[in-house]
Amino acid sequence: MKTANQILACLLLAGTMLAVPVTAAELTAQASPESDQMTDKYQQSLPEPCMKNGCPQLSFTDAQLEKLSTLKDQYELATAAKKATLKSLKCQVHKLMTEPNIDRQKITGLHDKINSLRTELSNIRLGYSLDRAEVLTPEQRSKMRHFFLTRQVMGHRWHHKFWQHHGSEQPRD
């Protein structure tokens, strides 16, 4: 019985995965010309220099791209084991929290380890951000500063406000 239920669940999941892209394609095909015009107006209202997603165009050189790629690889390698350990510790805490007898001392000890790992990951992430910033030219940093100041003033989801005032569905937070 358990095997039959597992097979049925897998079949339902596979069917859903096959149906969703088709449904999304049909909805996209039914988009009105008005929504395309609103999108174009929105694209035109973005501050320059911007791409469609609102991030500044920094025009990286090949050397910069290679350096940034190397930095990202180093960051991913430096954090992979810590992220896996963090996930494992979180699972252990959740498991201990659902046991009939809760061992506060053990959970608190695991929580302290989680906090320590989060701090280590945060420090590595800060170092990675600083290393990336050092790769940028002063002009590129100026564009990034403008982007972040605009984002700070307008909010990082400021573009959703456009859709709220133009009859589209409300964004999900």
C-alpha atoms as a PDB file:
ATOM      1  CA  MET A   1       0.000   0.000   0.000  1.00  0.00           C
ATOM      2  CA  LYS A   2       2.805   2.390   0.913  1.00  0.00           C
ATOM      3  CA  THR A   3       4.614   1.705  -2.383  1.00  0.00           C
ATOM      4  CA  ALA A   4       1.421   2.294  -4.359  1.00  0.00           C
ATOM      5  CA  ASN A   5       0.907   5.634  -2.593  1.00  0.00           C
ATOM      6  CA  GLN A   6       4.486   6.642  -3.349  1.00  0.00           C
ATOM      7  CA  ILE A   7       4.072   5.750  -7.023  1.00  0.00           C
ATOM      8  CA  LEU A   8       0.791   7.680  -7.191  1.00  0.00           C
ATOM      9  CA  ALA A   9       2.424  10.707  -5.555  1.00  0.00           C
ATOM     10  CA  CYS A  10       5.295  10.588  -8.071  1.00  0.00           C
ATOM     11  CA  LEU A  11       2.875  10.352 -10.988  1.00  0.00           C
ATOM     12  CA  LEU A  12       0.851  13.299  -9.709  1.00  0.00           C
ATOM     13  CA  LEU A  13       4.007  15.339  -9.256  1.00  0.00           C
ATOM     14  CA  ALA A  14       5.245  14.488 -12.748  1.00  0.00           C
ATOM     15  CA  GLY A  15       1.879  15.387 -14.267  1.00  0.00           C
ATOM     16  CA  THR A  16       1.847  18.703 -12.470  1.00  0.00           C
ATOM     17  CA  MET A  17       5.388  19.479 -13.608  1.00  0.00           C
ATOM     18  CA  LEU A  18       4.396  18.789 -17.198  1.00  0.00           C
ATOM     19  CA  ALA A  19       1.170  20.833 -17.026  1.00  0.00           C
ATOM     20  CA  VAL A  20       2.538  24.018 -15.426  1.00  0.00           C
ATOM     21  CA  PRO A  21       4.792  25.173 -18.326  1.00  0.00           C
ATOM     22  CA  VAL A  22       1.943  24.626 -20.826  1.00  0.00           C
ATOM     23  CA  THR A  23      -0.467  26.643 -18.690  1.00  0.00           C
ATOM     24  CA  ALA A  24       2.099  29.427 -18.234  1.00  0.00           C
ATOM     25  CA  ALA A  25       2.683  29.558 -21.997  1.00  0.00           C
ATOM     26  CA  GLU A  26      -1.065  29.854 -22.625  1.00  0.00           C
ATOM     27  CA  LEU A  27      -1.379  32.700 -20.121  1.00  0.00           C
ATOM     28  CA  THR A  28       1.571  34.504 -21.692  1.00  0.00           C
ATOM     29  CA  ALA A  29       0.030  34.157 -25.141  1.00  0.00           C
ATOM     30  CA  GLN A  30      -3.202  35.729 -23.842  1.00  0.00           C
ATOM     31  CA  ALA A  31      -1.435  38.854 -22.514  1.00  0.00           C
ATOM     32  CA  SER A  32      -3.120  42.018 -23.713  1.00  0.00           C
ATOM     33  CA  PRO A  33      -1.369  44.685 -25.801  1.00  0.00           C
ATOM     34  CA  GLU A  34      -2.151  47.104 -22.948  1.00  0.00           C
ATOM     35  CA  SER A  35       0.116  45.178 -20.596  1.00  0.00           C
ATOM     36  CA  ASP A  36       2.900  45.318 -23.204  1.00  0.00           C
ATOM     37  CA  GLN A  37       2.437  49.092 -23.445  1.00  0.00           C
ATOM     38  CA  MET A  38       2.566  49.405 -19.642  1.00  0.00           C
ATOM     39  CA  THR A  39       5.757  47.344 -19.599  1.00  0.00           C
ATOM     40  CA  ASP A  40       7.306  49.584 -22.259  1.00  0.00           C
ATOM     41  CA  LYS A  41       6.350  52.714 -20.295  1.00  0.00           C
ATOM     42  CA  TYR A  42       7.845  51.159 -17.171  1.00  0.00           C
ATOM     43  CA  GLN A  43      11.063  50.294 -19.016  1.00  0.00           C
ATOM     44  CA  GLN A  44      11.326  53.874 -20.285  1.00  0.00           C
ATOM     45  CA  SER A  45      10.827  55.302 -16.791  1.00  0.00           C
ATOM     46  CA  LEU A  46      13.854  53.496 -15.336  1.00  0.00           C
ATOM     47  CA  PRO A  47      16.798  55.732 -14.466  1.00  0.00           C
ATOM     48  CA  GLU A  48      19.744  55.452 -16.843  1.00  0.00           C
ATOM     49  CA  PRO A  49      21.915  53.496 -17.127  1.00  0.00           C
ATOM     50  CA  CYS A  50      19.689  50.507 -16.391  1.00  0.00           C
ATOM     51  CA  MET A  51      18.825  47.131 -17.711  1.00  0.00           C
ATOM     52  CA  LYS A  52      15.348  45.621 -17.611  1.00  0.00           C
ATOM     53  CA  ASN A  53      15.824  44.366 -14.054  1.00  0.00           C
ATOM     54  CA  GLY A  54      16.868  47.800 -12.784  1.00  0.00           C
ATOM     55  CA  CYS A  55      20.539  46.999 -12.167  1.00  0.00           C
ATOM     56  CA  PRO A  56      23.118  49.424 -13.525  1.00  0.00           C
ATOM     57  CA  GLN A  57      25.071  48.496 -16.640  1.00  0.00           C
ATOM     58  CA  LEU A  58      28.659  48.474 -15.489  1.00  0.00           C
ATOM     59  CA  SER A  59      30.295  47.354 -18.748  1.00  0.00           C
ATOM     60  CA  PHE A  60      32.811  44.970 -17.222  1.00  0.00           C
ATOM     61  CA  THR A  61      36.072  44.275 -19.009  1.00  0.00           C
ATOM     62  CA  ASP A  62      37.050  40.669 -19.645  1.00  0.00           C
ATOM     63  CA  ALA A  63      39.715  40.909 -16.927  1.00  0.00           C
ATOM     64  CA  GLN A  64      37.130  42.177 -14.436  1.00  0.00           C
ATOM     65  CA  LEU A  65      34.710  39.401 -15.357  1.00  0.00           C
ATOM     66  CA  GLU A  66      37.396  36.777 -14.891  1.00  0.00           C
ATOM     67  CA  LYS A  67      38.421  38.237 -11.525  1.00  0.00           C
ATOM     68  CA  LEU A  68      34.773  38.412 -10.386  1.00  0.00           C
ATOM     69  CA  SER A  69      34.231  34.837 -11.533  1.00  0.00           C
ATOM     70  CA  THR A  70      37.300  33.687  -9.584  1.00  0.00           C
ATOM     71  CA  LEU A  71      36.111  35.555  -6.489  1.00  0.00           C
ATOM     72  CA  LYS A  72      32.675  33.950  -6.745  1.00  0.00           C
ATOM     73  CA  ASP A  73      34.199  30.486  -7.097  1.00  0.00           C
ATOM     74  CA  GLN A  74      36.390  31.112  -4.039  1.00  0.00           C
ATOM     75  CA  TYR A  75      33.378  32.368  -2.079  1.00  0.00           C
ATOM     76  CA  GLU A  76      31.279  29.339  -3.027  1.00  0.00           C
ATOM     77  CA  LEU A  77      34.080  26.969  -2.028  1.00  0.00           C
ATOM     78  CA  ALA A  78      34.716  28.786   1.244  1.00  0.00           C
ATOM     79  CA  THR A  79      31.063  28.681   2.264  1.00  0.00           C
ATOM     80  CA  ALA A  80      29.796  25.351   0.893  1.00  0.00           C
ATOM     81  CA  ALA A  81      30.823  23.205   3.859  1.00  0.00           C
ATOM     82  CA  LYS A  82      29.665  25.806   6.382  1.00  0.00           C
ATOM     83  CA  LYS A  83      26.275  26.113   4.659  1.00  0.00           C
ATOM     84  CA  ALA A  84      25.853  22.328   4.681  1.00  0.00           C
ATOM     85  CA  THR A  85      26.780  22.184   8.356  1.00  0.00           C
ATOM     86  CA  LEU A  86      24.354  25.021   9.110  1.00  0.00           C
ATOM     87  CA  LYS A  87      21.543  23.183   7.351  1.00  0.00           C
ATOM     88  CA  SER A  88      22.349  20.000   9.252  1.00  0.00           C
ATOM     89  CA  LEU A  89      22.360  21.822  12.588  1.00  0.00           C
ATOM     90  CA  LYS A  90      19.007  23.434  11.823  1.00  0.00           C
ATOM     91  CA  CYS A  91      17.544  20.020  11.013  1.00  0.00           C
ATOM     92  CA  GLN A  92      18.895  18.661  14.299  1.00  0.00           C
ATOM     93  CA  VAL A  93      17.276  21.516  16.222  1.00  0.00           C
ATOM     94  CA  HIS A  94      13.934  20.924  14.492  1.00  0.00           C
ATOM     95  CA  LYS A  95      14.163  17.213  15.266  1.00  0.00           C
ATOM     96  CA  LEU A  96      14.986  17.863  18.934  1.00  0.00           C
ATOM     97  CA  MET A  97      12.130  20.380  19.196  1.00  0.00           C
ATOM     98  CA  THR A  98       9.612  17.733  18.125  1.00  0.00           C
ATOM     99  CA  GLU A  99      10.745  14.988  20.496  1.00  0.00           C
ATOM    100  CA  PRO A 100       8.505  14.080  23.436  1.00  0.00           C
ATOM    101  CA  ASN A 101      11.100  15.318  25.951  1.00  0.00           C
ATOM    102  CA  ILE A 102      12.747  18.591  25.002  1.00  0.00           C
ATOM    103  CA  ASP A 103      16.393  18.905  26.062  1.00  0.00           C
ATOM    104  CA  ARG A 104      16.882  22.669  26.435  1.00  0.00           C
ATOM    105  CA  GLN A 105      20.604  22.441  27.050  1.00  0.00           C
ATOM    106  CA  LYS A 106      21.250  20.416  23.902  1.00  0.00           C
ATOM    107  CA  ILE A 107      19.058  22.684  21.758  1.00  0.00           C
ATOM    108  CA  THR A 108      20.703  25.800  23.186  1.00  0.00           C
ATOM    109  CA  GLY A 109      24.151  24.352  22.421  1.00  0.00           C
ATOM    110  CA  LEU A 110      23.135  23.652  18.821  1.00  0.00           C
ATOM    111  CA  HIS A 111      21.640  27.140  18.579  1.00  0.00           C
ATOM    112  CA  ASP A 112      24.942  28.643  19.718  1.00  0.00           C
ATOM    113  CA  LYS A 113      26.747  26.659  16.996  1.00  0.00           C
ATOM    114  CA  ILE A 114      24.213  27.922  14.426  1.00  0.00           C
ATOM    115  CA  ASN A 115      24.784  31.522  15.511  1.00  0.00           C
ATOM    116  CA  SER A 116      28.543  31.050  15.304  1.00  0.00           C
ATOM    117  CA  LEU A 117      28.286  29.613  11.789  1.00  0.00           C
ATOM    118  CA  ARG A 118      25.994  32.442  10.693  1.00  0.00           C
ATOM    119  CA  THR A 119      28.553  34.957  11.953  1.00  0.00           C
ATOM    120  CA  GLU A 120      31.354  33.187  10.081  1.00  0.00           C
ATOM    121  CA  LEU A 121      29.284  33.107   6.888  1.00  0.00           C
ATOM    122  CA  SER A 122      28.398  36.769   7.301  1.00  0.00           C
ATOM    123  CA  ASN A 123      32.066  37.714   7.675  1.00  0.00           C
ATOM    124  CA  ILE A 124      32.996  35.682   4.589  1.00  0.00           C
ATOM    125  CA  ARG A 125      30.156  37.356   2.654  1.00  0.00           C
ATOM    126  CA  LEU A 126      31.395  40.799   3.725  1.00  0.00           C
ATOM    127  CA  GLY A 127      34.912  39.943   2.580  1.00  0.00           C
ATOM    128  CA  TYR A 128      33.514  38.747  -0.746  1.00  0.00           C
ATOM    129  CA  SER A 129      31.584  42.005  -1.191  1.00  0.00           C
ATOM    130  CA  LEU A 130      34.670  44.072  -0.401  1.00  0.00           C
ATOM    131  CA  ASP A 131      36.777  42.036  -2.830  1.00  0.00           C
ATOM    132  CA  ARG A 132      34.174  42.555  -5.581  1.00  0.00           C
ATOM    133  CA  ALA A 133      34.070  46.300  -4.912  1.00  0.00           C
ATOM    134  CA  GLU A 134      37.853  46.507  -5.288  1.00  0.00           C
ATOM    135  CA  VAL A 135      37.554  45.081  -8.812  1.00  0.00           C
ATOM    136  CA  LEU A 136      35.284  47.948  -9.934  1.00  0.00           C
ATOM    137  CA  THR A 137      36.583  51.184 -11.411  1.00  0.00           C
ATOM    138  CA  PRO A 138      35.679  54.489  -9.713  1.00  0.00           C
ATOM    139  CA  GLU A 139      33.087  55.164 -12.461  1.00  0.00           C
ATOM    140  CA  GLN A 140      31.485  51.750 -11.939  1.00  0.00           C
ATOM    141  CA  ARG A 141      31.400  52.318  -8.175  1.00  0.00           C
ATOM    142  CA  SER A 142      29.734  55.678  -8.789  1.00  0.00           C
ATOM    143  CA  LYS A 143      27.002  53.985 -10.856  1.00  0.00           C
ATOM    144  CA  MET A 144      26.525  51.369  -8.157  1.00  0.00           C
ATOM    145  CA  ARG A 145      26.310  54.079  -5.499  1.00  0.00           C
ATOM    146  CA  HIS A 146      23.627  55.880  -7.505  1.00  0.00           C
ATOM    147  CA  PHE A 147      21.724  52.610  -7.932  1.00  0.00           C
ATOM    148  CA  PHE A 148      21.849  51.781  -4.219  1.00  0.00           C
ATOM    149  CA  LEU A 149      20.879  55.320  -3.175  1.00  0.00           C
ATOM    150  CA  THR A 150      17.911  55.222  -5.570  1.00  0.00           C
ATOM    151  CA  ARG A 151      16.944  51.818  -4.217  1.00  0.00           C
ATOM    152  CA  GLN A 152      17.251  53.095  -0.653  1.00  0.00           C
ATOM    153  CA  VAL A 153      15.045  56.110  -1.323  1.00  0.00           C
ATOM    154  CA  MET A 154      12.496  54.370  -3.532  1.00  0.00           C
ATOM    155  CA  GLY A 155      12.580  50.968  -1.858  1.00  0.00           C
ATOM    156  CA  HIS A 156      13.940  47.826  -3.437  1.00  0.00           C
ATOM    157  CA  ARG A 157      10.488  46.929  -4.732  1.00  0.00           C
ATOM    158  CA  TRP A 158       9.588  50.398  -5.997  1.00  0.00           C
ATOM    159  CA  HIS A 159       8.789  49.080  -9.466  1.00  0.00           C
ATOM    160  CA  HIS A 160       5.842  47.095  -8.027  1.00  0.00           C
ATOM    161  CA  LYS A 161       4.139  50.381  -7.212  1.00  0.00           C
ATOM    162  CA  PHE A 162       3.814  51.010 -10.939  1.00  0.00           C
ATOM    163  CA  TRP A 163       1.732  47.874 -11.357  1.00  0.00           C
ATOM    164  CA  GLN A 164      -0.461  48.690  -8.354  1.00  0.00           C
ATOM    165  CA  HIS A 165      -1.531  51.957  -9.956  1.00  0.00           C
ATOM    166  CA  HIS A 166      -2.097  50.495 -13.415  1.00  0.00           C
ATOM    167  CA  GLY A 167      -4.737  47.873 -12.753  1.00  0.00           C
ATOM    168  CA  SER A 168      -2.543  44.796 -12.569  1.00  0.00           C
ATOM    169  CA  GLU A 169      -2.675  42.379  -9.678  1.00  0.00           C
ATOM    170  CA  GLN A 170      -1.007  43.380  -6.445  1.00  0.00           C
ATOM    171  CA  PRO A 171       2.536  42.106  -5.816  1.00  0.00           C
ATOM    172  CA  ARG A 172       3.133  39.471  -3.176  1.00  0.00           C
ATOM    173  CA  ASP A 173       5.457  40.404  -0.330  1.00  0.00           C
END
